[in-house]
Amino acid sequence: MKIEHISYTAEMVDGLHQSVMLYKALLEQAKKETASDQEAYEIADHVFKNMMKVSE
Protein backbone atom coordinates (compact mmCIF):
# COMPACT_ATOMS: atom_id res chain seq x y z
CA MET A 1 0.00 0.00 0.00
CA LYS A 2 1.32 3.43 -0.90
CA ILE A 3 0.99 6.26 1.59
CA GLU A 4 -0.49 8.56 -1.09
CA HIS A 5 -3.55 6.32 -1.30
CA ILE A 6 -4.42 6.40 2.39
CA SER A 7 -7.56 8.30 3.36
CA TYR A 8 -6.63 10.39 6.37
CA THR A 9 -9.30 10.92 8.99
CA ALA A 10 -9.49 14.11 11.02
CA GLU A 11 -8.12 12.19 14.01
CA MET A 12 -5.12 10.98 11.99
CA VAL A 13 -4.35 14.48 10.76
CA ASP A 14 -4.64 15.83 14.32
CA GLY A 15 -2.31 13.11 15.61
CA LEU A 16 0.26 13.85 12.92
CA HIS A 17 0.05 17.56 13.67
CA GLN A 18 0.58 16.92 17.38
CA SER A 19 3.60 14.75 16.60
CA VAL A 20 5.13 17.48 14.44
CA MET A 21 4.53 20.11 17.10
CA LEU A 22 6.08 17.88 19.77
CA TYR A 23 9.17 17.25 17.62
CA LYS A 24 9.46 20.98 16.92
CA ALA A 25 9.39 21.77 20.65
CA LEU A 26 12.02 19.10 21.35
CA LEU A 27 14.24 20.43 18.56
CA GLU A 28 13.95 24.04 19.72
CA GLN A 29 14.94 23.05 23.24
CA ALA A 30 17.80 20.89 21.99
CA LYS A 31 19.11 23.81 19.92
CA LYS A 32 19.25 25.92 23.09
CA GLU A 33 21.25 23.23 24.86
CA THR A 34 23.75 22.25 22.16
CA ALA A 35 26.50 23.89 20.14
CA SER A 36 25.45 22.64 16.69
CA ASP A 37 22.27 21.98 14.75
CA GLN A 38 23.44 18.46 13.94
CA GLU A 39 23.78 17.62 17.63
CA ALA A 40 20.39 19.19 18.33
CA TYR A 41 18.74 17.03 15.65
CA GLU A 42 20.42 13.91 17.02
CA ILE A 43 19.15 14.62 20.53
CA ALA A 44 15.64 15.53 19.34
CA ASP A 45 15.49 12.37 17.22
CA HIS A 46 16.63 10.22 20.12
CA VAL A 47 14.12 11.69 22.56
CA PHE A 48 11.26 11.59 20.05
CA LYS A 49 11.94 7.96 19.11
CA ASN A 50 12.03 6.95 22.78
CA MET A 51 8.76 8.76 23.44
CA MET A 52 7.13 6.94 20.54
CA LYS A 53 8.42 3.57 21.81
CA VAL A 54 7.07 4.25 25.30
CA SER A 55 3.67 5.29 23.94
CA GLU A 56 3.26 1.95 22.11
PDB file of N, CA and C in Angstrom:
ATOM      1  N   MET A   1       0.848  -1.179   0.000  1.00  0.00           N
ATOM      2  CA  MET A   1       0.000   0.000   0.000  1.00  0.00           C
ATOM      3  C   MET A   1       0.892   1.239   0.000  1.00  0.00           C
ATOM      4  N   LYS A   2       0.563   2.188  -0.834  1.00  0.00           N
ATOM      5  CA  LYS A   2       1.322   3.426  -0.901  1.00  0.00           C
ATOM      6  C   LYS A   2       0.659   4.470  -0.014  1.00  0.00           C
ATOM      7  N   ILE A   3       1.491   5.271   0.643  1.00  0.00           N
ATOM      8  CA  ILE A   3       0.990   6.261   1.588  1.00  0.00           C
ATOM      9  C   ILE A   3       0.097   7.309   0.914  1.00  0.00           C
ATOM     10  N   GLU A   4       0.321   7.561  -0.385  1.00  0.00           N
ATOM     11  CA  GLU A   4      -0.491   8.555  -1.087  1.00  0.00           C
ATOM     12  C   GLU A   4      -1.955   8.131  -1.199  1.00  0.00           C
ATOM     13  N   HIS A   5      -2.207   6.836  -1.104  1.00  0.00           N
ATOM     14  CA  HIS A   5      -3.554   6.324  -1.305  1.00  0.00           C
ATOM     15  C   HIS A   5      -4.325   6.130  -0.003  1.00  0.00           C
ATOM     16  N   ILE A   6      -3.737   6.539   1.102  1.00  0.00           N
ATOM     17  CA  ILE A   6      -4.419   6.398   2.389  1.00  0.00           C
ATOM     18  C   ILE A   6      -5.390   7.556   2.562  1.00  0.00           C
ATOM     19  N   SER A   7      -6.591   7.258   3.027  1.00  0.00           N
ATOM     20  CA  SER A   7      -7.558   8.298   3.363  1.00  0.00           C
ATOM     21  C   SER A   7      -7.327   8.686   4.822  1.00  0.00           C
ATOM     22  N   TYR A   8      -6.924   9.918   5.020  1.00  0.00           N
ATOM     23  CA  TYR A   8      -6.634  10.389   6.369  1.00  0.00           C
ATOM     24  C   TYR A   8      -7.892  10.919   7.032  1.00  0.00           C
ATOM     25  N   THR A   9      -8.169  10.413   8.223  1.00  0.00           N
ATOM     26  CA  THR A   9      -9.301  10.918   8.991  1.00  0.00           C
ATOM     27  C   THR A   9      -8.857  12.164   9.739  1.00  0.00           C
ATOM     28  N   ALA A  10      -9.810  12.908  10.255  1.00  0.00           N
ATOM     29  CA  ALA A  10      -9.487  14.109  11.021  1.00  0.00           C
ATOM     30  C   ALA A  10      -8.629  13.759  12.232  1.00  0.00           C
ATOM     31  N   GLU A  11      -8.887  12.606  12.845  1.00  0.00           N
ATOM     32  CA  GLU A  11      -8.120  12.186  14.011  1.00  0.00           C
ATOM     33  C   GLU A  11      -6.672  11.884  13.629  1.00  0.00           C
ATOM     34  N   MET A  12      -6.471  11.276  12.458  1.00  0.00           N
ATOM     35  CA  MET A  12      -5.115  10.976  11.991  1.00  0.00           C
ATOM     36  C   MET A  12      -4.347  12.262  11.718  1.00  0.00           C
ATOM     37  N   VAL A  13      -4.990  13.204  11.069  1.00  0.00           N
ATOM     38  CA  VAL A  13      -4.349  14.480  10.764  1.00  0.00           C
ATOM     39  C   VAL A  13      -3.998  15.203  12.062  1.00  0.00           C
ATOM     40  N   ASP A  14      -4.903  15.187  13.031  1.00  0.00           N
ATOM     41  CA  ASP A  14      -4.643  15.827  14.315  1.00  0.00           C
ATOM     42  C   ASP A  14      -3.465  15.160  15.017  1.00  0.00           C
ATOM     43  N   GLY A  15      -3.409  13.839  14.993  1.00  0.00           N
ATOM     44  CA  GLY A  15      -2.309  13.111  15.613  1.00  0.00           C
ATOM     45  C   GLY A  15      -0.977  13.425  14.963  1.00  0.00           C
ATOM     46  N   LEU A  16      -0.964  13.490  13.632  1.00  0.00           N
ATOM     47  CA  LEU A  16       0.264  13.846  12.920  1.00  0.00           C
ATOM     48  C   LEU A  16       0.704  15.264  13.257  1.00  0.00           C
ATOM     49  N   HIS A  17      -0.254  16.172  13.326  1.00  0.00           N
ATOM     50  CA  HIS A  17       0.051  17.560  13.668  1.00  0.00           C
ATOM     51  C   HIS A  17       0.637  17.649  15.075  1.00  0.00           C
ATOM     52  N   GLN A  18       0.054  16.918  16.015  1.00  0.00           N
ATOM     53  CA  GLN A  18       0.577  16.925  17.380  1.00  0.00           C
ATOM     54  C   GLN A  18       1.992  16.363  17.426  1.00  0.00           C
ATOM     55  N   SER A  19       2.257  15.332  16.649  1.00  0.00           N
ATOM     56  CA  SER A  19       3.603  14.753  16.605  1.00  0.00           C
ATOM     57  C   SER A  19       4.616  15.756  16.063  1.00  0.00           C
ATOM     58  N   VAL A  20       4.233  16.469  15.024  1.00  0.00           N
ATOM     59  CA  VAL A  20       5.127  17.479  14.443  1.00  0.00           C
ATOM     60  C   VAL A  20       5.393  18.598  15.445  1.00  0.00           C
ATOM     61  N   MET A  21       4.365  19.037  16.125  1.00  0.00           N
ATOM     62  CA  MET A  21       4.531  20.115  17.103  1.00  0.00           C
ATOM     63  C   MET A  21       5.405  19.660  18.271  1.00  0.00           C
ATOM     64  N   LEU A  22       5.255  18.426  18.689  1.00  0.00           N
ATOM     65  CA  LEU A  22       6.076  17.879  19.765  1.00  0.00           C
ATOM     66  C   LEU A  22       7.540  17.825  19.328  1.00  0.00           C
ATOM     67  N   TYR A  23       7.790  17.324  18.121  1.00  0.00           N
ATOM     68  CA  TYR A  23       9.166  17.254  17.620  1.00  0.00           C
ATOM     69  C   TYR A  23       9.754  18.654  17.517  1.00  0.00           C
ATOM     70  N   LYS A  24       8.977  19.600  17.051  1.00  0.00           N
ATOM     71  CA  LYS A  24       9.455  20.981  16.917  1.00  0.00           C
ATOM     72  C   LYS A  24       9.860  21.540  18.275  1.00  0.00           C
ATOM     73  N   ALA A  25       9.063  21.290  19.301  1.00  0.00           N
ATOM     74  CA  ALA A  25       9.388  21.771  20.646  1.00  0.00           C
ATOM     75  C   ALA A  25      10.666  21.103  21.161  1.00  0.00           C
ATOM     76  N   LEU A  26      10.803  19.804  20.925  1.00  0.00           N
ATOM     77  CA  LEU A  26      12.020  19.104  21.345  1.00  0.00           C
ATOM     78  C   LEU A  26      13.245  19.669  20.635  1.00  0.00           C
ATOM     79  N   LEU A  27      13.124  19.920  19.345  1.00  0.00           N
ATOM     80  CA  LEU A  27      14.242  20.433  18.562  1.00  0.00           C
ATOM     81  C   LEU A  27      14.629  21.843  19.018  1.00  0.00           C
ATOM     82  N   GLU A  28      13.652  22.687  19.255  1.00  0.00           N
ATOM     83  CA  GLU A  28      13.948  24.042  19.715  1.00  0.00           C
ATOM     84  C   GLU A  28      14.691  24.020  21.044  1.00  0.00           C
ATOM     85  N   GLN A  29      14.267  23.159  21.951  1.00  0.00           N
ATOM     86  CA  GLN A  29      14.936  23.052  23.243  1.00  0.00           C
ATOM     87  C   GLN A  29      16.341  22.490  23.072  1.00  0.00           C
ATOM     88  N   ALA A  30      16.483  21.487  22.227  1.00  0.00           N
ATOM     89  CA  ALA A  30      17.803  20.888  21.991  1.00  0.00           C
ATOM     90  C   ALA A  30      18.763  21.915  21.379  1.00  0.00           C
ATOM     91  N   LYS A  31      18.262  22.781  20.519  1.00  0.00           N
ATOM     92  CA  LYS A  31      19.109  23.807  19.915  1.00  0.00           C
ATOM     93  C   LYS A  31      19.628  24.786  20.967  1.00  0.00           C
ATOM     94  N   LYS A  32      18.831  25.038  21.998  1.00  0.00           N
ATOM     95  CA  LYS A  32      19.255  25.923  23.087  1.00  0.00           C
ATOM     96  C   LYS A  32      20.352  25.277  23.930  1.00  0.00           C
ATOM     97  N   GLU A  33      20.352  23.951  23.969  1.00  0.00           N
ATOM     98  CA  GLU A  33      21.246  23.230  24.865  1.00  0.00           C
ATOM     99  C   GLU A  33      22.493  22.665  24.184  1.00  0.00           C
ATOM    100  N   THR A  34      22.617  22.829  22.879  1.00  0.00           N
ATOM    101  CA  THR A  34      23.754  22.253  22.156  1.00  0.00           C
ATOM    102  C   THR A  34      24.480  23.326  21.348  1.00  0.00           C
ATOM    103  N   ALA A  35      25.667  22.956  20.887  1.00  0.00           N
ATOM    104  CA  ALA A  35      26.500  23.895  20.139  1.00  0.00           C
ATOM    105  C   ALA A  35      26.244  23.849  18.634  1.00  0.00           C
ATOM    106  N   SER A  36      25.655  22.755  18.138  1.00  0.00           N
ATOM    107  CA  SER A  36      25.446  22.645  16.692  1.00  0.00           C
ATOM    108  C   SER A  36      24.048  22.127  16.383  1.00  0.00           C
ATOM    109  N   ASP A  37      23.585  22.465  15.180  1.00  0.00           N
ATOM    110  CA  ASP A  37      22.271  21.978  14.748  1.00  0.00           C
ATOM    111  C   ASP A  37      22.281  20.465  14.603  1.00  0.00           C
ATOM    112  N   GLN A  38      23.373  19.909  14.116  1.00  0.00           N
ATOM    113  CA  GLN A  38      23.442  18.456  13.939  1.00  0.00           C
ATOM    114  C   GLN A  38      23.252  17.743  15.280  1.00  0.00           C
ATOM    115  N   GLU A  39      23.920  18.224  16.300  1.00  0.00           N
ATOM    116  CA  GLU A  39      23.784  17.619  17.628  1.00  0.00           C
ATOM    117  C   GLU A  39      22.356  17.790  18.154  1.00  0.00           C
ATOM    118  N   ALA A  40      21.766  18.939  17.896  1.00  0.00           N
ATOM    119  CA  ALA A  40      20.389  19.191  18.333  1.00  0.00           C
ATOM    120  C   ALA A  40      19.429  18.212  17.668  1.00  0.00           C
ATOM    121  N   TYR A  41      19.594  17.987  16.362  1.00  0.00           N
ATOM    122  CA  TYR A  41      18.739  17.034  15.654  1.00  0.00           C
ATOM    123  C   TYR A  41      18.924  15.619  16.184  1.00  0.00           C
ATOM    124  N   GLU A  42      20.161  15.248  16.478  1.00  0.00           N
ATOM    125  CA  GLU A  42      20.420  13.912  17.016  1.00  0.00           C
ATOM    126  C   GLU A  42      19.720  13.714  18.358  1.00  0.00           C
ATOM    127  N   ILE A  43      19.798  14.717  19.217  1.00  0.00           N
ATOM    128  CA  ILE A  43      19.149  14.623  20.525  1.00  0.00           C
ATOM    129  C   ILE A  43      17.634  14.592  20.371  1.00  0.00           C
ATOM    130  N   ALA A  44      17.096  15.490  19.549  1.00  0.00           N
ATOM    131  CA  ALA A  44      15.645  15.533  19.342  1.00  0.00           C
ATOM    132  C   ALA A  44      15.145  14.218  18.764  1.00  0.00           C
ATOM    133  N   ASP A  45      15.866  13.662  17.805  1.00  0.00           N
ATOM    134  CA  ASP A  45      15.489  12.375  17.218  1.00  0.00           C
ATOM    135  C   ASP A  45      15.473  11.275  18.276  1.00  0.00           C
ATOM    136  N   HIS A  46      16.521  11.235  19.078  1.00  0.00           N
ATOM    137  CA  HIS A  46      16.632  10.216  20.121  1.00  0.00           C
ATOM    138  C   HIS A  46      15.467  10.309  21.107  1.00  0.00           C
ATOM    139  N   VAL A  47      15.198  11.501  21.594  1.00  0.00           N
ATOM    140  CA  VAL A  47      14.116  11.690  22.564  1.00  0.00           C
ATOM    141  C   VAL A  47      12.765  11.356  21.942  1.00  0.00           C
ATOM    142  N   PHE A  48      12.535  11.827  20.715  1.00  0.00           N
ATOM    143  CA  PHE A  48      11.261  11.589  20.050  1.00  0.00           C
ATOM    144  C   PHE A  48      11.031  10.097  19.823  1.00  0.00           C
ATOM    145  N   LYS A  49      12.065   9.402  19.340  1.00  0.00           N
ATOM    146  CA  LYS A  49      11.940   7.958  19.112  1.00  0.00           C
ATOM    147  C   LYS A  49      11.634   7.214  20.410  1.00  0.00           C
ATOM    148  N   ASN A  50      12.311   7.597  21.494  1.00  0.00           N
ATOM    149  CA  ASN A  50      12.034   6.953  22.776  1.00  0.00           C
ATOM    150  C   ASN A  50      10.625   7.226  23.268  1.00  0.00           C
ATOM    151  N   MET A  51      10.134   8.445  23.042  1.00  0.00           N
ATOM    152  CA  MET A  51       8.762   8.764  23.444  1.00  0.00           C
ATOM    153  C   MET A  51       7.761   7.941  22.649  1.00  0.00           C
ATOM    154  N   MET A  52       8.033   7.741  21.370  1.00  0.00           N
ATOM    155  CA  MET A  52       7.130   6.938  20.543  1.00  0.00           C
ATOM    156  C   MET A  52       7.149   5.466  20.982  1.00  0.00           C
ATOM    157  N   LYS A  53       8.329   4.954  21.339  1.00  0.00           N
ATOM    158  CA  LYS A  53       8.419   3.571  21.813  1.00  0.00           C
ATOM    159  C   LYS A  53       7.644   3.386  23.100  1.00  0.00           C
ATOM    160  N   VAL A  54       7.761   4.332  24.009  1.00  0.00           N
ATOM    161  CA  VAL A  54       7.072   4.247  25.302  1.00  0.00           C
ATOM    162  C   VAL A  54       5.559   4.324  25.108  1.00  0.00           C
ATOM    163  N   SER A  55       5.115   5.127  24.144  1.00  0.00           N
ATOM    164  CA  SER A  55       3.666   5.289  23.938  1.00  0.00           C
ATOM    165  C   SER A  55       3.008   4.077  23.318  1.00  0.00           C
ATOM    166  N   GLU A  56       3.820   3.180  22.718  1.00  0.00           N
ATOM    167  CA  GLU A  56       3.256   1.954  22.106  1.00  0.00           C
ATOM    168  C   GLU A  56       2.787   1.075  23.212  1.00  0.00           C
TER     169      GLU A  56
END
